[in-house]
Amino acid sequence: MLLKEFAGQTLTMRGIYEQHNADTPYIKKNYKNVLLELEEEGKIAASNHRKGTFGDSVMAIFPKL
């Protein structure tokens, strides 16, 4: 869902959460977990951050579709 909605964009984790979570049952931790999974799977790139974490200011880089 995030790959499609944010294709070709670079946003902070907080920006993704703020733009996407309205009218969804997801909390911030859900977004952090899925962004970590997408990064580990090589589906997105991210700015430097500690392994196993995805802080509010970490930039997520989504590829174009």
PDB file of N, CA and C in Angstrom:
ATOM      1  N   MET A   1       0.825  -1.182   0.000  1.00  0.00           N
ATOM      2  CA  MET A   1       0.000   0.000   0.000  1.00  0.00           C
ATOM      3  C   MET A   1       0.881   1.262   0.000  1.00  0.00           C
ATOM      4  N   LEU A   2       1.895   1.302   0.874  1.00  0.00           N
ATOM      5  CA  LEU A   2       2.774   2.476   0.947  1.00  0.00           C
ATOM      6  C   LEU A   2       3.611   2.617  -0.319  1.00  0.00           C
ATOM      7  N   LEU A   3       4.073   1.494  -0.870  1.00  0.00           N
ATOM      8  CA  LEU A   3       4.891   1.548  -2.088  1.00  0.00           C
ATOM      9  C   LEU A   3       4.127   2.231  -3.222  1.00  0.00           C
ATOM     10  N   LYS A   4       2.846   1.940  -3.326  1.00  0.00           N
ATOM     11  CA  LYS A   4       2.020   2.504  -4.385  1.00  0.00           C
ATOM     12  C   LYS A   4       1.714   3.985  -4.110  1.00  0.00           C
ATOM     13  N   GLU A   5       1.300   4.274  -2.897  1.00  0.00           N
ATOM     14  CA  GLU A   5       0.879   5.636  -2.565  1.00  0.00           C
ATOM     15  C   GLU A   5       2.022   6.648  -2.609  1.00  0.00           C
ATOM     16  N   PHE A   6       3.229   6.236  -2.212  1.00  0.00           N
ATOM     17  CA  PHE A   6       4.353   7.168  -2.134  1.00  0.00           C
ATOM     18  C   PHE A   6       5.408   6.930  -3.219  1.00  0.00           C
ATOM     19  N   ALA A   7       5.046   6.230  -4.288  1.00  0.00           N
ATOM     20  CA  ALA A   7       5.984   5.927  -5.379  1.00  0.00           C
ATOM     21  C   ALA A   7       6.665   7.190  -5.889  1.00  0.00           C
ATOM     22  N   GLY A   8       7.996   7.123  -5.979  1.00  0.00           N
ATOM     23  CA  GLY A   8       8.780   8.242  -6.499  1.00  0.00           C
ATOM     24  C   GLY A   8       8.995   9.384  -5.524  1.00  0.00           C
ATOM     25  N   GLN A   9       8.619   9.207  -4.274  1.00  0.00           N
ATOM     26  CA  GLN A   9       8.737  10.279  -3.286  1.00  0.00           C
ATOM     27  C   GLN A   9       9.770   9.943  -2.212  1.00  0.00           C
ATOM     28  N   THR A  10      10.266  10.970  -1.554  1.00  0.00           N
ATOM     29  CA  THR A  10      11.150  10.834  -0.406  1.00  0.00           C
ATOM     30  C   THR A  10      10.519  11.614   0.738  1.00  0.00           C
ATOM     31  N   LEU A  11      10.216  10.901   1.814  1.00  0.00           N
ATOM     32  CA  LEU A  11       9.551  11.518   2.960  1.00  0.00           C
ATOM     33  C   LEU A  11      10.148  10.991   4.253  1.00  0.00           C
ATOM     34  N   THR A  12       9.960  11.758   5.326  1.00  0.00           N
ATOM     35  CA  THR A  12      10.356  11.265   6.642  1.00  0.00           C
ATOM     36  C   THR A  12       9.316  10.253   7.112  1.00  0.00           C
ATOM     37  N   MET A  13       9.703   9.431   8.065  1.00  0.00           N
ATOM     38  CA  MET A  13       8.758   8.474   8.626  1.00  0.00           C
ATOM     39  C   MET A  13       7.560   9.221   9.183  1.00  0.00           C
ATOM     40  N   ARG A  14       7.804  10.317   9.875  1.00  0.00           N
ATOM     41  CA  ARG A  14       6.714  11.109  10.459  1.00  0.00           C
ATOM     42  C   ARG A  14       5.777  11.646   9.372  1.00  0.00           C
ATOM     43  N   GLY A  15       6.344  12.107   8.269  1.00  0.00           N
ATOM     44  CA  GLY A  15       5.534  12.611   7.161  1.00  0.00           C
ATOM     45  C   GLY A  15       4.646  11.531   6.567  1.00  0.00           C
ATOM     46  N   ILE A  16       5.195  10.345   6.428  1.00  0.00           N
ATOM     47  CA  ILE A  16       4.418   9.217   5.909  1.00  0.00           C
ATOM     48  C   ILE A  16       3.266   8.927   6.856  1.00  0.00           C
ATOM     49  N   TYR A  17       3.578   8.839   8.130  1.00  0.00           N
ATOM     50  CA  TYR A  17       2.551   8.567   9.145  1.00  0.00           C
ATOM     51  C   TYR A  17       1.456   9.624   9.114  1.00  0.00           C
ATOM     52  N   GLU A  18       1.841  10.888   9.106  1.00  0.00           N
ATOM     53  CA  GLU A  18       0.862  11.969   9.151  1.00  0.00           C
ATOM     54  C   GLU A  18      -0.021  12.015   7.902  1.00  0.00           C
ATOM     55  N   GLN A  19       0.546  11.681   6.750  1.00  0.00           N
ATOM     56  CA  GLN A  19      -0.222  11.721   5.503  1.00  0.00           C
ATOM     57  C   GLN A  19      -1.121  10.504   5.327  1.00  0.00           C
ATOM     58  N   HIS A  20      -0.725   9.380   5.904  1.00  0.00           N
ATOM     59  CA  HIS A  20      -1.407   8.124   5.598  1.00  0.00           C
ATOM     60  C   HIS A  20      -2.329   7.599   6.686  1.00  0.00           C
ATOM     61  N   ASN A  21      -2.110   7.937   7.944  1.00  0.00           N
ATOM     62  CA  ASN A  21      -2.819   7.234   9.012  1.00  0.00           C
ATOM     63  C   ASN A  21      -4.263   7.677   9.244  1.00  0.00           C
ATOM     64  N   ALA A  22      -4.676   8.800   8.680  1.00  0.00           N
ATOM     65  CA  ALA A  22      -6.063   9.253   8.881  1.00  0.00           C
ATOM     66  C   ALA A  22      -7.038   8.188   8.396  1.00  0.00           C
ATOM     67  N   ASP A  23      -8.012   7.912   9.201  1.00  0.00           N
ATOM     68  CA  ASP A  23      -9.056   6.929   8.869  1.00  0.00           C
ATOM     69  C   ASP A  23      -8.517   5.508   8.695  1.00  0.00           C
ATOM     70  N   THR A  24      -7.395   5.203   9.342  1.00  0.00           N
ATOM     71  CA  THR A  24      -6.873   3.830   9.344  1.00  0.00           C
ATOM     72  C   THR A  24      -6.702   3.389  10.796  1.00  0.00           C
ATOM     73  N   PRO A  25      -6.629   2.085  11.029  1.00  0.00           N
ATOM     74  CA  PRO A  25      -6.424   1.602  12.395  1.00  0.00           C
ATOM     75  C   PRO A  25      -4.941   1.538  12.788  1.00  0.00           C
ATOM     76  N   TYR A  26      -4.051   2.042  11.926  1.00  0.00           N
ATOM     77  CA  TYR A  26      -2.614   1.888  12.145  1.00  0.00           C
ATOM     78  C   TYR A  26      -2.047   2.955  13.065  1.00  0.00           C
ATOM     79  N   ILE A  27      -1.084   2.542  13.887  1.00  0.00           N
ATOM     80  CA  ILE A  27      -0.385   3.462  14.779  1.00  0.00           C
ATOM     81  C   ILE A  27       1.040   3.651  14.267  1.00  0.00           C
ATOM     82  N   LYS A  28       1.742   4.604  14.858  1.00  0.00           N
ATOM     83  CA  LYS A  28       3.093   4.936  14.406  1.00  0.00           C
ATOM     84  C   LYS A  28       4.009   3.714  14.386  1.00  0.00           C
ATOM     85  N   LYS A  29       3.899   2.856  15.388  1.00  0.00           N
ATOM     86  CA  LYS A  29       4.754   1.664  15.447  1.00  0.00           C
ATOM     87  C   LYS A  29       4.519   0.755  14.238  1.00  0.00           C
ATOM     88  N   ASN A  30       3.289   0.665  13.761  1.00  0.00           N
ATOM     89  CA  ASN A  30       3.000  -0.136  12.566  1.00  0.00           C
ATOM     90  C   ASN A  30       3.776   0.389  11.368  1.00  0.00           C
ATOM     91  N   TYR A  31       3.825   1.701  11.214  1.00  0.00           N
ATOM     92  CA  TYR A  31       4.536   2.312  10.093  1.00  0.00           C
ATOM     93  C   TYR A  31       6.037   2.065  10.208  1.00  0.00           C
ATOM     94  N   LYS A  32       6.577   2.221  11.409  1.00  0.00           N
ATOM     95  CA  LYS A  32       8.006   1.991  11.609  1.00  0.00           C
ATOM     96  C   LYS A  32       8.365   0.547  11.259  1.00  0.00           C
ATOM     97  N   ASN A  33       7.539  -0.392  11.696  1.00  0.00           N
ATOM     98  CA  ASN A  33       7.802  -1.806  11.415  1.00  0.00           C
ATOM     99  C   ASN A  33       7.748  -2.115   9.927  1.00  0.00           C
ATOM    100  N   VAL A  34       6.737  -1.611   9.238  1.00  0.00           N
ATOM    101  CA  VAL A  34       6.617  -1.922   7.815  1.00  0.00           C
ATOM    102  C   VAL A  34       7.727  -1.239   7.015  1.00  0.00           C
ATOM    103  N   LEU A  35       8.130  -0.033   7.402  1.00  0.00           N
ATOM    104  CA  LEU A  35       9.233   0.630   6.703  1.00  0.00           C
ATOM    105  C   LEU A  35      10.539  -0.126   6.899  1.00  0.00           C
ATOM    106  N   LEU A  36      10.770  -0.660   8.087  1.00  0.00           N
ATOM    107  CA  LEU A  36      11.957  -1.494   8.319  1.00  0.00           C
ATOM    108  C   LEU A  36      11.912  -2.738   7.438  1.00  0.00           C
ATOM    109  N   GLU A  37      10.760  -3.374   7.351  1.00  0.00           N
ATOM    110  CA  GLU A  37      10.621  -4.571   6.509  1.00  0.00           C
ATOM    111  C   GLU A  37      10.873  -4.241   5.046  1.00  0.00           C
ATOM    112  N   LEU A  38      10.300  -3.146   4.565  1.00  0.00           N
ATOM    113  CA  LEU A  38      10.499  -2.752   3.171  1.00  0.00           C
ATOM    114  C   LEU A  38      11.973  -2.459   2.889  1.00  0.00           C
ATOM    115  N   GLU A  39      12.651  -1.841   3.837  1.00  0.00           N
ATOM    116  CA  GLU A  39      14.084  -1.554   3.659  1.00  0.00           C
ATOM    117  C   GLU A  39      14.885  -2.851   3.627  1.00  0.00           C
ATOM    118  N   GLU A  40      14.602  -3.755   4.551  1.00  0.00           N
ATOM    119  CA  GLU A  40      15.325  -5.033   4.600  1.00  0.00           C
ATOM    120  C   GLU A  40      15.109  -5.843   3.331  1.00  0.00           C
ATOM    121  N   GLU A  41      13.929  -5.743   2.737  1.00  0.00           N
ATOM    122  CA  GLU A  41      13.613  -6.467   1.507  1.00  0.00           C
ATOM    123  C   GLU A  41      14.140  -5.760   0.265  1.00  0.00           C
ATOM    124  N   GLY A  42      14.747  -4.571   0.450  1.00  0.00           N
ATOM    125  CA  GLY A  42      15.300  -3.820  -0.666  1.00  0.00           C
ATOM    126  C   GLY A  42      14.256  -3.105  -1.505  1.00  0.00           C
ATOM    127  N   LYS A  43      13.060  -2.940  -0.971  1.00  0.00           N
ATOM    128  CA  LYS A  43      11.985  -2.299  -1.724  1.00  0.00           C
ATOM    129  C   LYS A  43      11.987  -0.784  -1.585  1.00  0.00           C
ATOM    130  N   ILE A  44      12.625  -0.266  -0.525  1.00  0.00           N
ATOM    131  CA  ILE A  44      12.832   1.168  -0.354  1.00  0.00           C
ATOM    132  C   ILE A  44      14.265   1.380   0.131  1.00  0.00           C
ATOM    133  N   ALA A  45      14.731   2.612   0.014  1.00  0.00           N
ATOM    134  CA  ALA A  45      16.020   2.990   0.603  1.00  0.00           C
ATOM    135  C   ALA A  45      15.710   3.943   1.754  1.00  0.00           C
ATOM    136  N   ALA A  46      16.665   4.094   2.650  1.00  0.00           N
ATOM    137  CA  ALA A  46      16.454   4.987   3.791  1.00  0.00           C
ATOM    138  C   ALA A  46      17.747   5.713   4.121  1.00  0.00           C
ATOM    139  N   SER A  47      17.603   6.897   4.721  1.00  0.00           N
ATOM    140  CA  SER A  47      18.773   7.634   5.177  1.00  0.00           C
ATOM    141  C   SER A  47      19.405   6.874   6.338  1.00  0.00           C
ATOM    142  N   ASN A  48      20.585   7.300   6.720  1.00  0.00           N
ATOM    143  CA  ASN A  48      21.303   6.607   7.799  1.00  0.00           C
ATOM    144  C   ASN A  48      20.476   6.564   9.076  1.00  0.00           C
ATOM    145  N   HIS A  49      20.457   5.386   9.671  1.00  0.00           N
ATOM    146  CA  HIS A  49      19.776   5.204  10.947  1.00  0.00           C
ATOM    147  C   HIS A  49      20.324   3.948  11.604  1.00  0.00           C
ATOM    148  N   ARG A  50      20.070   3.843  12.884  1.00  0.00           N
ATOM    149  CA  ARG A  50      20.529   2.670  13.623  1.00  0.00           C
ATOM    150  C   ARG A  50      19.772   1.439  13.168  1.00  0.00           C
ATOM    151  N   LYS A  51      20.475   0.328  13.044  1.00  0.00           N
ATOM    152  CA  LYS A  51      19.853  -0.922  12.617  1.00  0.00           C
ATOM    153  C   LYS A  51      18.714  -1.299  13.577  1.00  0.00           C
ATOM    154  N   GLY A  52      17.604  -1.714  13.014  1.00  0.00           N
ATOM    155  CA  GLY A  52      16.465  -2.134  13.815  1.00  0.00           C
ATOM    156  C   GLY A  52      15.574  -1.002  14.296  1.00  0.00           C
ATOM    157  N   THR A  53      15.889   0.225  13.881  1.00  0.00           N
ATOM    158  CA  THR A  53      15.069   1.372  14.265  1.00  0.00           C
ATOM    159  C   THR A  53      14.681   2.155  13.017  1.00  0.00           C
ATOM    160  N   PHE A  54      13.629   2.919  13.122  1.00  0.00           N
ATOM    161  CA  PHE A  54      13.224   3.801  12.024  1.00  0.00           C
ATOM    162  C   PHE A  54      12.592   5.023  12.671  1.00  0.00           C
ATOM    163  N   GLY A  55      13.449   5.957  13.072  1.00  0.00           N
ATOM    164  CA  GLY A  55      13.000   7.145  13.796  1.00  0.00           C
ATOM    165  C   GLY A  55      12.150   8.080  12.957  1.00  0.00           C
ATOM    166  N   ASP A  56      11.501   9.016  13.621  1.00  0.00           N
ATOM    167  CA  ASP A  56      10.602   9.963  12.960  1.00  0.00           C
ATOM    168  C   ASP A  56      11.281  10.760  11.853  1.00  0.00           C
ATOM    169  N   SER A  57      12.573  11.062  11.999  1.00  0.00           N
ATOM    170  CA  SER A  57      13.248  11.907  11.011  1.00  0.00           C
ATOM    171  C   SER A  57      13.983  11.118   9.933  1.00  0.00           C
ATOM    172  N   VAL A  58      13.917   9.793   9.980  1.00  0.00           N
ATOM    173  CA  VAL A  58      14.579   8.976   8.954  1.00  0.00           C
ATOM    174  C   VAL A  58      13.822   9.153   7.629  1.00  0.00           C
ATOM    175  N   MET A  59      14.578   9.405   6.579  1.00  0.00           N
ATOM    176  CA  MET A  59      13.989   9.608   5.245  1.00  0.00           C
ATOM    177  C   MET A  59      13.807   8.260   4.566  1.00  0.00           C
ATOM    178  N   ALA A  60      12.615   8.028   4.046  1.00  0.00           N
ATOM    179  CA  ALA A  60      12.319   6.827   3.280  1.00  0.00           C
ATOM    180  C   ALA A  60      12.237   7.234   1.813  1.00  0.00           C
ATOM    181  N   ILE A  61      12.964   6.517   0.959  1.00  0.00           N
ATOM    182  CA  ILE A  61      13.022   6.827  -0.469  1.00  0.00           C
ATOM    183  C   ILE A  61      12.298   5.716  -1.219  1.00  0.00           C
ATOM    184  N   PHE A  62      11.157   6.069  -1.782  1.00  0.00           N
ATOM    185  CA  PHE A  62      10.325   5.099  -2.500  1.00  0.00           C
ATOM    186  C   PHE A  62      10.660   5.143  -3.987  1.00  0.00           C
ATOM    187  N   PRO A  63      10.851   3.982  -4.598  1.00  0.00           N
ATOM    188  CA  PRO A  63      11.133   3.959  -6.041  1.00  0.00           C
ATOM    189  C   PRO A  63       9.878   4.301  -6.849  1.00  0.00           C
ATOM    190  N   LYS A  64      10.080   4.763  -8.080  1.00  0.00           N
ATOM    191  CA  LYS A  64       8.960   4.985  -8.983  1.00  0.00           C
ATOM    192  C   LYS A  64       8.400   3.635  -9.397  1.00  0.00           C
ATOM    193  N   LEU A  65       7.123   3.599  -9.692  1.00  0.00           N
ATOM    194  CA  LEU A  65       6.511   2.346 -10.144  1.00  0.00           C
ATOM    195  C   LEU A  65       6.786   2.101 -11.600  1.00  0.00           C
TER     196      LEU A  65
END
